[in-house]
C-alpha atoms as a PDB file:
ATOM      1  CA  MET A   1      24.933  40.195  41.213  1.00  0.00           C
ATOM      2  CA  ALA A   2      24.062  37.589  43.851  1.00  0.00           C
ATOM      3  CA  ILE A   3      21.294  35.062  43.299  1.00  0.00           C
ATOM      4  CA  GLU A   4      20.279  32.704  46.115  1.00  0.00           C
ATOM      5  CA  VAL A   5      19.814  29.150  44.850  1.00  0.00           C
ATOM      6  CA  ARG A   6      18.052  26.522  46.971  1.00  0.00           C
ATOM      7  CA  ILE A   7      19.378  23.048  46.249  1.00  0.00           C
ATOM      8  CA  PRO A   8      17.225  19.909  46.676  1.00  0.00           C
ATOM      9  CA  THR A   9      18.604  16.992  48.684  1.00  0.00           C
ATOM     10  CA  ILE A  10      19.237  14.877  45.587  1.00  0.00           C
ATOM     11  CA  LEU A  11      21.608  17.508  44.129  1.00  0.00           C
ATOM     12  CA  ARG A  12      23.483  18.368  47.321  1.00  0.00           C
ATOM     13  CA  THR A  13      26.249  15.908  46.486  1.00  0.00           C
ATOM     14  CA  TYR A  14      27.326  18.526  43.932  1.00  0.00           C
ATOM     15  CA  THR A  15      27.360  21.324  46.535  1.00  0.00           C
ATOM     16  CA  ASP A  16      29.177  19.443  49.319  1.00  0.00           C
ATOM     17  CA  GLY A  17      25.881  19.139  51.181  1.00  0.00           C
ATOM     18  CA  ALA A  18      24.969  22.833  51.043  1.00  0.00           C
ATOM     19  CA  LYS A  19      21.213  23.466  51.041  1.00  0.00           C
ATOM     20  CA  GLN A  20      21.717  26.896  49.546  1.00  0.00           C
ATOM     21  CA  VAL A  21      24.426  28.419  47.364  1.00  0.00           C
ATOM     22  CA  GLU A  22      24.951  31.744  45.655  1.00  0.00           C
ATOM     23  CA  GLY A  23      25.389  32.237  41.963  1.00  0.00           C
ATOM     24  CA  SER A  24      25.322  34.962  39.386  1.00  0.00           C
ATOM     25  CA  GLY A  25      24.015  35.539  35.891  1.00  0.00           C
ATOM     26  CA  THR A  26      21.589  37.657  33.943  1.00  0.00           C
ATOM     27  CA  THR A  27      19.462  34.626  32.949  1.00  0.00           C
ATOM     28  CA  LEU A  28      18.815  31.172  34.377  1.00  0.00           C
ATOM     29  CA  ALA A  29      21.064  29.711  31.663  1.00  0.00           C
ATOM     30  CA  ASP A  30      23.903  31.981  32.837  1.00  0.00           C
ATOM     31  CA  LEU A  31      23.216  31.090  36.462  1.00  0.00           C
ATOM     32  CA  PHE A  32      23.409  27.348  35.798  1.00  0.00           C
ATOM     33  CA  THR A  33      26.682  27.811  33.902  1.00  0.00           C
ATOM     34  CA  ASP A  34      28.051  29.831  36.824  1.00  0.00           C
ATOM     35  CA  LEU A  35      26.954  27.183  39.332  1.00  0.00           C
ATOM     36  CA  ASP A  36      28.590  24.462  37.238  1.00  0.00           C
ATOM     37  CA  SER A  37      31.905  26.338  37.321  1.00  0.00           C
ATOM     38  CA  ARG A  38      31.960  25.909  41.119  1.00  0.00           C
ATOM     39  CA  HIS A  39      29.861  22.755  41.486  1.00  0.00           C
ATOM     40  CA  ALA A  40      30.922  20.589  38.549  1.00  0.00           C
ATOM     41  CA  GLY A  41      28.191  18.402  37.088  1.00  0.00           C
ATOM     42  CA  ILE A  42      25.175  20.169  38.565  1.00  0.00           C
ATOM     43  CA  ARG A  43      24.180  21.878  35.295  1.00  0.00           C
ATOM     44  CA  GLU A  44      23.752  18.620  33.396  1.00  0.00           C
ATOM     45  CA  ARG A  45      21.339  17.407  36.078  1.00  0.00           C
ATOM     46  CA  ILE A  46      19.140  20.482  35.495  1.00  0.00           C
ATOM     47  CA  VAL A  47      19.591  21.264  31.789  1.00  0.00           C
ATOM     48  CA  ASP A  48      19.387  18.958  28.774  1.00  0.00           C
ATOM     49  CA  GLY A  49      19.974  20.192  25.233  1.00  0.00           C
ATOM     50  CA  GLY A  50      19.731  23.838  26.244  1.00  0.00           C
ATOM     51  CA  GLU A  51      16.358  23.430  27.954  1.00  0.00           C
ATOM     52  CA  LEU A  52      15.265  22.554  31.473  1.00  0.00           C
ATOM     53  CA  ARG A  53      15.009  18.825  32.000  1.00  0.00           C
ATOM     54  CA  ARG A  54      11.423  17.625  31.816  1.00  0.00           C
ATOM     55  CA  PHE A  55      11.283  16.397  35.411  1.00  0.00           C
ATOM     56  CA  VAL A  56      13.014  19.361  37.032  1.00  0.00           C
ATOM     57  CA  ASN A  57      10.952  22.300  38.225  1.00  0.00           C
ATOM     58  CA  VAL A  58      12.624  25.673  38.712  1.00  0.00           C
ATOM     59  CA  TYR A  59      11.023  28.584  40.535  1.00  0.00           C
ATOM     60  CA  LEU A  60      12.081  32.210  40.460  1.00  0.00           C
ATOM     61  CA  ASN A  61      10.825  33.986  43.565  1.00  0.00           C
ATOM     62  CA  ASP A  62       8.175  31.228  43.914  1.00  0.00           C
ATOM     63  CA  GLU A  63       6.977  31.496  40.292  1.00  0.00           C
ATOM     64  CA  ASP A  64       7.406  28.545  37.924  1.00  0.00           C
ATOM     65  CA  VAL A  65       9.864  29.629  35.205  1.00  0.00           C
ATOM     66  CA  ARG A  66       8.034  27.493  32.624  1.00  0.00           C
ATOM     67  CA  PHE A  67       5.331  30.185  32.742  1.00  0.00           C
ATOM     68  CA  LEU A  68       7.961  32.900  32.297  1.00  0.00           C
ATOM     69  CA  GLN A  69      10.726  32.503  29.690  1.00  0.00           C
ATOM     70  CA  GLY A  70      12.029  29.114  30.826  1.00  0.00           C
ATOM     71  CA  ILE A  71      15.810  28.885  30.873  1.00  0.00           C
ATOM     72  CA  ASP A  72      15.998  32.364  29.289  1.00  0.00           C
ATOM     73  CA  THR A  73      14.180  33.958  32.250  1.00  0.00           C
ATOM     74  CA  GLU A  74      16.000  37.106  33.298  1.00  0.00           C
ATOM     75  CA  LEU A  75      17.345  37.452  36.820  1.00  0.00           C
ATOM     76  CA  ALA A  76      17.986  40.422  39.079  1.00  0.00           C
ATOM     77  CA  ASP A  77      20.258  40.920  42.059  1.00  0.00           C
ATOM     78  CA  GLY A  78      18.659  39.418  45.170  1.00  0.00           C
ATOM     79  CA  ASP A  79      16.418  36.959  43.329  1.00  0.00           C
ATOM     80  CA  SER A  80      15.784  33.533  44.801  1.00  0.00           C
ATOM     81  CA  VAL A  81      15.837  30.405  42.624  1.00  0.00           C
ATOM     82  CA  THR A  82      14.513  27.068  43.866  1.00  0.00           C
ATOM     83  CA  ILE A  83      15.300  23.815  42.063  1.00  0.00           C
ATOM     84  CA  LEU A  84      12.846  20.977  42.673  1.00  0.00           C
ATOM     85  CA  PRO A  85      12.974  17.602  40.977  1.00  0.00           C
ATOM     86  CA  ALA A  86       9.524  16.210  40.208  1.00  0.00           C
ATOM     87  CA  VAL A  87       8.665  13.325  42.504  1.00  0.00           C
ATOM     88  CA  ALA A  88       6.452  10.412  41.581  1.00  0.00           C
ATOM     89  CA  GLY A  89       5.282   7.607  43.750  1.00  0.00           C
ATOM     90  CA  GLY A  90       2.453   6.249  45.755  1.00  0.00           C
ATOM     91  CA  SER A  91       0.225   3.296  45.106  1.00  0.00           C
ATOM     92  CA  LEU A  92      -3.145   2.643  43.597  1.00  0.00           C
END
């Protein structure tokens, strides 16, 4: 099963600069474990205590997984996962 994973700039140091990588798994949790086996350290930047980190947004086929089953969201062959860290900034 191949899942396309889009990697944000801030996490590309874990993927040797790759903007997109492939992974596998039946759930997001499995996918992040699989990614970590090839890109050591990336999982801990996305997951904390078995849940998605508060300031990391993950989309499955453009749908926010927090409105699905979170890290337990099931995946299918050909799915696309996008990881986006929340960004704050600006001025008042």
